[in-house]
Amino acid sequence: MSFLTDSINWLSQPTVSFTLSVILLIVLLRWKSLWTKTGGLLLLAGGVLFVGLSAIQPDFRLIVTKADNVPIVMMIFLVGFFLWLAMSKAYANDARIDRGEPTFEKSEKDDRIFTWPDLVFSEFICMIVLTIILVVWSIALLAPLEEPANTSVAPNPSKAPWYFLGLQEMLVYFDPWMAGIVLPSMIAVGLMAIPYIDTNPKGNGYFTFKERKTEITLFLFGFLVLWVQMIVIGTFLRGPNWNFFGPFEYWDPSKVEALINEDLADFFWIGLLKVGHPEFWLYRELPGLLLIGFYFLAIPVLLPKLRFTKKYFGRFYEEMGPARYYVGISLVLTMMLLPIKMYLRWFFNFKYFVHIQEFFFNI
């Protein structure tokens, strides 16, 4: 039993769990037939069984059964269920399209019902059932209220509400103005810009994966790996002093892991050239500024032209046009900056590409 819990704790380390989640997403999208039928429901049932059996362990039960963590546990399985439902419909539609048959959505157009009374009656029943569930929930689980706020005492760990835990986790890898303002703003603007950037007419009004592989893969990576998983990490794996703890590990408040923040300027001037930092901030941060400029300005231009990327990105450039392409690829590069910073932080204690403390400007 100890070997099993220790193994799960090791697999839950961010360097391991994040890498495994990316690999798992690739496997799921590559071999959809393995889980988009009954296999996916069996996986969900196995996850429920795992959580139920693991609740025997006191440290696991203490974290999972907290009143404000129970909805997160439910959210994990609900996200998994609706992912299975959507991908199963997409996989079935792709098979029908390959056979020359209409999609399920087109074939169901004749099977319609009236809004009144059929749809309204169904919604009314759902409302009653949901009200009963909320009443039972409020009786069974106490509200996670604490004592009045005290400016001299801060909870350890001090966590944001669950819907902000992803942003709070990003604060480990980015400056507060980046994680709290710039990146959330770009997420909101990017989501609003998608209908104007995406010129692919396929997939409108029906489920499909084959006709929108790139779009769906990017969405699932951003939503599942870079958002839902960040919430899970912040909820269940971040403990006292914002340290990582395995799901079967005791949250020891005396655990302290010292981290030495190193910036790109430290690696370049001290590690590579073996000299001290230049005094002038522009000269000191020039390697980071050049690297960021190359990342956001040169890479979008090179991708449609390089021989090994031209076939893929050149097609997007031609279909989308220059304006849509550069806006879309900039949003993708910004999204990919998060996993890049995460791996650099985990393996090299890397903090900033550009650290201009004179103007409080950090990237």
Protein backbone atom coordinates (compact mmCIF):
# COMPACT_ATOMS: atom_id res chain seq x y z
CA MET A 1 0.00 0.00 0.00
CA SER A 2 2.84 2.37 0.87
CA PHE A 3 4.55 1.65 -2.47
CA LEU A 4 1.31 2.44 -4.33
CA THR A 5 0.69 5.74 -2.54
CA ASP A 6 4.35 6.77 -2.92
CA SER A 7 4.16 6.00 -6.64
CA ILE A 8 1.03 8.12 -7.05
CA ASN A 9 2.64 10.95 -5.08
CA TRP A 10 5.65 10.79 -7.41
CA LEU A 11 3.45 10.79 -10.50
CA SER A 12 1.63 13.85 -9.12
CA GLN A 13 4.79 15.95 -9.22
CA PRO A 14 4.22 18.85 -11.64
CA THR A 15 7.09 17.88 -13.92
CA VAL A 16 5.69 14.35 -14.26
CA SER A 17 1.93 14.96 -14.13
CA PHE A 18 2.01 17.86 -16.60
CA THR A 19 4.10 15.87 -19.08
CA LEU A 20 1.85 12.84 -18.70
CA SER A 21 -1.25 14.97 -19.27
CA VAL A 22 0.15 16.26 -22.56
CA ILE A 23 1.05 12.71 -23.65
CA LEU A 24 -2.38 11.46 -22.57
CA LEU A 25 -4.13 14.18 -24.59
CA ILE A 26 -2.12 13.20 -27.68
CA VAL A 27 -2.96 9.52 -27.17
CA LEU A 28 -6.66 10.25 -26.68
CA LEU A 29 -6.86 12.36 -29.83
CA ARG A 30 -4.79 9.89 -31.83
CA TRP A 31 -6.72 6.76 -30.84
CA LYS A 32 -10.25 8.05 -30.32
CA SER A 33 -11.85 4.69 -30.98
CA LEU A 34 -10.37 3.34 -27.73
CA TRP A 35 -12.38 5.62 -25.46
CA THR A 36 -15.16 7.38 -27.41
CA LYS A 37 -17.43 4.38 -27.01
CA THR A 38 -17.91 2.42 -23.77
CA GLY A 39 -14.19 2.66 -22.98
CA GLY A 40 -14.52 6.28 -21.91
CA LEU A 41 -17.35 5.50 -19.49
CA LEU A 42 -15.27 2.68 -18.03
CA LEU A 43 -12.40 5.10 -17.47
CA LEU A 44 -14.74 7.51 -15.69
CA ALA A 45 -16.12 4.69 -13.56
CA GLY A 46 -12.56 3.66 -12.74
CA GLY A 47 -11.79 7.23 -11.67
CA VAL A 48 -14.83 7.30 -9.38
CA LEU A 49 -13.78 3.96 -7.89
CA PHE A 50 -10.23 5.25 -7.37
CA VAL A 51 -11.44 8.35 -5.52
CA GLY A 52 -13.81 6.27 -3.40
CA LEU A 53 -11.15 3.75 -2.39
CA SER A 54 -8.50 6.44 -1.88
CA ALA A 55 -10.79 8.23 0.57
CA ILE A 56 -9.83 5.52 3.07
CA GLN A 57 -6.45 7.22 3.38
CA PRO A 58 -6.84 10.09 5.91
CA ASP A 59 -4.65 12.69 4.16
CA PHE A 60 -6.42 12.13 0.83
CA ARG A 61 -9.85 12.20 2.48
CA LEU A 62 -9.03 15.42 4.36
CA ILE A 63 -8.31 17.34 1.14
CA VAL A 64 -10.89 15.80 -1.21
CA THR A 65 -13.83 16.00 1.19
CA LYS A 66 -13.36 19.65 2.17
CA ALA A 67 -16.65 21.42 1.58
CA ASP A 68 -15.20 23.85 -0.97
CA ASN A 69 -13.21 21.08 -2.75
CA VAL A 70 -16.15 18.74 -3.36
CA PRO A 71 -17.41 20.79 -6.37
CA ILE A 72 -13.92 20.60 -7.91
CA VAL A 73 -13.99 16.80 -7.67
CA MET A 74 -17.39 16.82 -9.36
CA MET A 75 -16.10 19.25 -11.99
CA ILE A 76 -13.28 16.86 -12.95
CA PHE A 77 -15.69 14.03 -13.70
CA LEU A 78 -18.23 16.32 -15.39
CA VAL A 79 -15.52 17.68 -17.69
CA GLY A 80 -14.46 14.11 -18.45
CA PHE A 81 -18.04 13.03 -19.16
CA PHE A 82 -18.84 15.91 -21.51
CA LEU A 83 -15.49 15.48 -23.25
CA TRP A 84 -16.40 11.83 -23.85
CA LEU A 85 -19.90 12.79 -25.02
CA ALA A 86 -18.69 15.46 -27.46
CA MET A 87 -15.85 13.37 -28.89
CA SER A 88 -18.05 10.31 -29.24
CA LYS A 89 -20.53 12.33 -31.28
CA ALA A 90 -17.67 13.83 -33.31
CA TYR A 91 -16.15 10.40 -33.96
CA ALA A 92 -19.53 8.98 -35.02
CA ASN A 93 -20.20 11.96 -37.30
CA ASP A 94 -16.76 11.60 -38.91
CA ALA A 95 -17.57 7.97 -39.68
CA ARG A 96 -20.92 8.97 -41.21
CA ILE A 97 -19.28 11.67 -43.33
CA ASP A 98 -16.71 9.16 -44.61
CA ARG A 99 -19.57 6.87 -45.65
CA GLY A 100 -21.33 9.72 -47.43
CA GLU A 101 -24.19 9.83 -44.91
CA PRO A 102 -25.61 13.01 -43.30
CA THR A 103 -24.54 13.93 -39.78
CA PHE A 104 -26.69 13.14 -36.77
CA GLU A 105 -27.65 16.81 -36.47
CA LYS A 106 -29.01 16.91 -40.04
CA SER A 107 -30.85 13.61 -39.70
CA GLU A 108 -32.53 14.80 -36.48
CA LYS A 109 -34.03 17.94 -38.01
CA ASP A 110 -37.33 16.17 -38.57
CA ASP A 111 -37.48 15.03 -34.95
CA ARG A 112 -38.49 18.36 -33.45
CA ILE A 113 -40.64 19.32 -30.49
CA PHE A 114 -42.55 22.46 -29.58
CA THR A 115 -41.09 24.93 -27.10
CA TRP A 116 -44.44 24.96 -25.29
CA PRO A 117 -45.29 22.75 -23.56
CA ASP A 118 -42.65 20.07 -24.29
CA LEU A 119 -39.37 21.96 -23.79
CA VAL A 120 -40.66 24.19 -20.99
CA PHE A 121 -42.03 21.14 -19.14
CA SER A 122 -38.67 19.36 -19.38
CA GLU A 123 -36.84 22.45 -18.15
CA PHE A 124 -39.29 22.78 -15.25
CA ILE A 125 -38.62 19.18 -14.18
CA CYS A 126 -34.85 19.79 -14.39
CA MET A 127 -35.24 22.91 -12.26
CA ILE A 128 -37.12 20.98 -9.56
CA VAL A 129 -34.52 18.18 -9.53
CA LEU A 130 -31.67 20.69 -9.32
CA THR A 131 -33.38 22.54 -6.49
CA ILE A 132 -33.71 19.29 -4.53
CA ILE A 133 -30.03 18.52 -5.10
CA LEU A 134 -28.98 21.97 -3.89
CA VAL A 135 -31.17 21.71 -0.77
CA VAL A 136 -29.74 18.29 0.12
CA TRP A 137 -26.24 19.54 -0.62
CA SER A 138 -26.66 22.58 1.66
CA ILE A 139 -27.85 20.33 4.49
CA ALA A 140 -25.18 17.63 4.07
CA LEU A 141 -22.17 19.94 3.56
CA LEU A 142 -21.54 22.89 5.80
CA ALA A 143 -20.71 26.19 4.12
CA PRO A 144 -16.91 26.68 4.12
CA LEU A 145 -17.08 29.84 6.22
CA GLU A 146 -14.16 30.83 8.41
CA GLU A 147 -13.70 33.28 11.26
CA PRO A 148 -13.75 37.03 10.53
CA ALA A 149 -10.74 38.28 8.61
CA ASN A 150 -7.73 39.19 10.74
CA THR A 151 -5.04 41.37 9.18
CA SER A 152 -2.40 39.90 11.51
CA VAL A 153 -3.14 36.27 10.64
CA ALA A 154 -3.12 34.87 7.11
CA PRO A 155 -4.22 31.33 6.27
CA ASN A 156 -1.52 28.98 5.06
CA PRO A 157 -2.01 28.40 2.18
CA SER A 158 -4.01 31.44 1.22
CA LYS A 159 -5.98 30.46 -1.87
CA ALA A 160 -8.24 32.31 -4.25
CA PRO A 161 -11.70 30.96 -5.17
CA TRP A 162 -11.53 27.89 -7.37
CA TYR A 163 -12.26 29.81 -10.57
CA PHE A 164 -9.17 31.98 -9.92
CA LEU A 165 -6.85 29.17 -8.87
CA GLY A 166 -5.58 28.79 -12.42
CA LEU A 167 -4.53 32.43 -12.43
CA GLN A 168 -3.02 32.08 -8.95
CA GLU A 169 -0.97 29.13 -10.17
CA MET A 170 0.27 31.25 -13.07
CA LEU A 171 1.65 33.75 -10.57
CA VAL A 172 4.39 31.22 -9.80
CA TYR A 173 5.71 31.53 -13.34
CA PHE A 174 4.84 35.10 -14.33
CA ASP A 175 4.93 38.57 -12.84
CA PRO A 176 1.60 39.61 -11.25
CA TRP A 177 0.82 42.12 -14.00
CA MET A 178 1.33 39.41 -16.61
CA ALA A 179 -0.56 36.62 -14.83
CA GLY A 180 -3.30 38.84 -13.43
CA ILE A 181 -3.89 41.39 -16.19
CA VAL A 182 -2.14 40.79 -19.51
CA LEU A 183 -2.71 37.06 -19.95
CA PRO A 184 -6.37 37.03 -18.75
CA SER A 185 -7.06 40.01 -21.04
CA MET A 186 -5.50 38.18 -23.97
CA ILE A 187 -7.55 35.09 -23.16
CA ALA A 188 -10.77 37.12 -23.20
CA VAL A 189 -9.83 39.05 -26.34
CA GLY A 190 -8.62 35.86 -28.04
CA LEU A 191 -11.90 34.06 -27.34
CA MET A 192 -13.84 37.00 -28.79
CA ALA A 193 -11.53 37.12 -31.82
CA ILE A 194 -11.84 33.41 -32.68
CA PRO A 195 -15.00 33.80 -34.84
CA TYR A 196 -13.21 36.46 -36.89
CA ILE A 197 -9.91 34.55 -37.15
CA ASP A 198 -11.27 31.11 -37.91
CA THR A 199 -12.30 30.95 -41.56
CA ASN A 200 -12.96 27.21 -41.62
CA PRO A 201 -16.71 26.83 -42.33
CA LYS A 202 -16.73 23.14 -41.48
CA GLY A 203 -18.04 21.97 -38.14
CA ASN A 204 -20.68 24.67 -37.82
CA GLY A 205 -23.78 23.16 -36.26
CA TYR A 206 -22.50 19.61 -35.90
CA PHE A 207 -19.88 17.65 -34.00
CA THR A 208 -16.71 16.72 -35.88
CA PHE A 209 -13.03 16.25 -35.17
CA LYS A 210 -11.63 15.21 -38.51
CA GLU A 211 -12.63 18.47 -40.18
CA ARG A 212 -11.28 20.67 -37.36
CA LYS A 213 -8.30 18.81 -35.93
CA THR A 214 -6.07 21.82 -35.31
CA GLU A 215 -8.76 24.00 -33.78
CA ILE A 216 -10.08 21.30 -31.42
CA THR A 217 -6.58 20.16 -30.42
CA LEU A 218 -5.53 23.71 -29.52
CA PHE A 219 -8.74 24.27 -27.58
CA LEU A 220 -8.43 21.02 -25.61
CA PHE A 221 -4.77 21.72 -24.83
CA GLY A 222 -5.56 25.22 -23.61
CA PHE A 223 -8.69 24.26 -21.68
CA LEU A 224 -7.83 20.86 -20.22
CA VAL A 225 -4.06 21.05 -19.76
CA LEU A 226 -3.47 24.75 -19.19
CA TRP A 227 -6.66 25.62 -17.30
CA VAL A 228 -8.47 22.67 -15.71
CA GLN A 229 -5.22 21.01 -14.67
CA MET A 230 -3.97 24.29 -13.18
CA ILE A 231 -7.14 24.46 -11.09
CA VAL A 232 -6.62 20.86 -9.95
CA ILE A 233 -3.00 21.58 -9.05
CA GLY A 234 -3.93 24.69 -7.11
CA THR A 235 -6.77 22.92 -5.29
CA PHE A 236 -5.36 19.52 -4.38
CA LEU A 237 -1.57 19.72 -4.75
CA ARG A 238 -0.66 23.18 -3.44
CA GLY A 239 -0.32 23.11 0.33
CA PRO A 240 1.28 25.24 3.07
CA ASN A 241 3.87 27.76 1.88
CA TRP A 242 2.56 27.05 -1.63
CA ASN A 243 4.64 23.87 -1.81
CA PHE A 244 3.65 20.83 -3.84
CA PHE A 245 2.23 17.85 -1.96
CA GLY A 246 1.13 14.51 -3.33
CA PRO A 247 -2.53 13.47 -2.94
CA PHE A 248 -1.55 10.98 -0.21
CA GLU A 249 0.99 13.25 1.47
CA TYR A 250 0.51 15.08 4.76
CA TRP A 251 0.39 18.86 4.36
CA ASP A 252 3.30 19.69 6.65
CA PRO A 253 3.28 23.46 7.41
CA SER A 254 6.98 23.30 8.37
CA LYS A 255 8.01 22.12 4.89
CA VAL A 256 10.15 24.78 3.25
CA GLU A 257 11.70 24.48 -0.20
CA ALA A 258 14.10 27.28 -0.98
CA LEU A 259 14.08 28.43 -4.59
CA ILE A 260 16.75 30.59 -6.15
CA ASN A 261 15.24 32.74 -8.87
CA GLU A 262 17.48 33.08 -11.90
CA ASP A 263 16.74 35.28 -14.87
CA LEU A 264 17.97 35.02 -18.44
CA ALA A 265 20.45 37.81 -17.71
CA ASP A 266 21.98 35.65 -14.95
CA PHE A 267 22.38 32.69 -17.30
CA PHE A 268 23.85 34.87 -20.06
CA TRP A 269 26.18 37.28 -18.26
CA ILE A 270 27.21 35.21 -15.23
CA GLY A 271 26.74 31.62 -16.37
CA LEU A 272 27.84 31.91 -20.00
CA LEU A 273 30.18 34.91 -20.21
CA LYS A 274 31.44 34.67 -16.60
CA VAL A 275 31.14 38.43 -16.06
CA GLY A 276 28.97 40.62 -13.88
CA HIS A 277 25.73 42.30 -14.87
CA PRO A 278 26.08 45.52 -16.89
CA GLU A 279 24.84 48.55 -14.99
CA PHE A 280 22.64 49.95 -17.75
CA TRP A 281 19.30 48.10 -17.75
CA LEU A 282 18.91 48.04 -21.53
CA TYR A 283 22.31 46.44 -22.06
CA ARG A 284 21.71 44.02 -19.18
CA GLU A 285 18.34 42.82 -20.49
CA LEU A 286 19.25 42.94 -24.17
CA PRO A 287 19.50 39.10 -24.52
CA GLY A 288 15.99 38.70 -23.10
CA LEU A 289 14.55 41.50 -25.23
CA LEU A 290 16.10 39.99 -28.38
CA LEU A 291 14.78 36.53 -27.49
CA ILE A 292 11.25 37.78 -26.83
CA GLY A 293 11.37 39.83 -30.03
CA PHE A 294 12.47 36.78 -32.01
CA TYR A 295 9.74 34.66 -30.39
CA PHE A 296 6.84 37.00 -31.17
CA LEU A 297 8.09 38.79 -34.31
CA ALA A 298 10.35 36.41 -36.22
CA ILE A 299 8.80 32.99 -35.54
CA PRO A 300 5.36 33.89 -37.04
CA VAL A 301 7.13 35.06 -40.21
CA LEU A 302 9.45 32.05 -40.42
CA LEU A 303 6.89 29.29 -39.82
CA PRO A 304 5.15 29.58 -43.23
CA LYS A 305 8.54 29.78 -45.01
CA LEU A 306 10.77 27.16 -43.39
CA ARG A 307 10.95 23.91 -45.29
CA PHE A 308 9.89 21.64 -42.41
CA THR A 309 6.99 23.88 -41.31
CA LYS A 310 5.92 25.42 -44.62
CA LYS A 311 3.53 22.62 -45.55
CA TYR A 312 1.49 23.02 -42.36
CA PHE A 313 1.70 26.73 -41.49
CA GLY A 314 1.86 27.82 -45.12
CA ARG A 315 -1.62 26.38 -45.61
CA PHE A 316 -2.96 28.40 -42.69
CA TYR A 317 -1.28 31.54 -44.01
CA GLU A 318 -2.92 31.11 -47.41
CA GLU A 319 -6.36 30.22 -46.04
CA MET A 320 -6.51 32.85 -43.28
CA GLY A 321 -4.65 35.71 -44.92
CA PRO A 322 -1.82 37.74 -43.35
CA ALA A 323 -3.86 39.68 -40.76
CA ARG A 324 -5.82 36.72 -39.39
CA TYR A 325 -2.74 34.50 -39.47
CA TYR A 326 -0.50 36.86 -37.47
CA VAL A 327 -3.19 37.54 -34.87
CA GLY A 328 -3.93 33.82 -34.50
CA ILE A 329 -0.31 32.68 -34.32
CA SER A 330 0.47 35.44 -31.79
CA LEU A 331 -2.30 34.13 -29.54
CA VAL A 332 -0.99 30.57 -29.90
CA LEU A 333 2.58 31.65 -29.09
CA THR A 334 1.33 33.51 -26.02
CA MET A 335 -0.48 30.38 -24.87
CA MET A 336 2.63 28.24 -25.43
CA LEU A 337 4.67 30.67 -23.34
CA LEU A 338 3.00 29.26 -20.22
CA PRO A 339 4.23 25.64 -20.53
CA ILE A 340 7.65 26.94 -21.62
CA LYS A 341 7.93 29.05 -18.45
CA MET A 342 6.63 26.16 -16.34
CA TYR A 343 9.31 23.74 -17.52
CA LEU A 344 12.05 26.37 -17.21
CA ARG A 345 10.89 27.10 -13.68
CA TRP A 346 10.77 23.47 -12.63
CA PHE A 347 14.11 22.38 -14.06
CA PHE A 348 16.26 25.54 -13.91
CA ASN A 349 14.58 27.81 -11.31
CA PHE A 350 14.15 30.21 -14.24
CA LYS A 351 12.01 33.24 -13.45
CA TYR A 352 12.09 35.98 -16.09
CA PHE A 353 13.27 36.45 -19.66
CA VAL A 354 13.31 40.19 -19.07
CA HIS A 355 13.64 41.59 -15.55
CA ILE A 356 13.76 45.39 -15.56
CA GLN A 357 13.33 46.15 -11.87
CA GLU A 358 13.96 49.84 -12.56
CA PHE A 359 10.53 50.08 -14.20
CA PHE A 360 8.85 47.03 -12.61
CA PHE A 361 8.65 45.43 -16.04
CA ASN A 362 9.11 41.65 -16.02
CA ILE A 363 8.36 39.00 -18.63
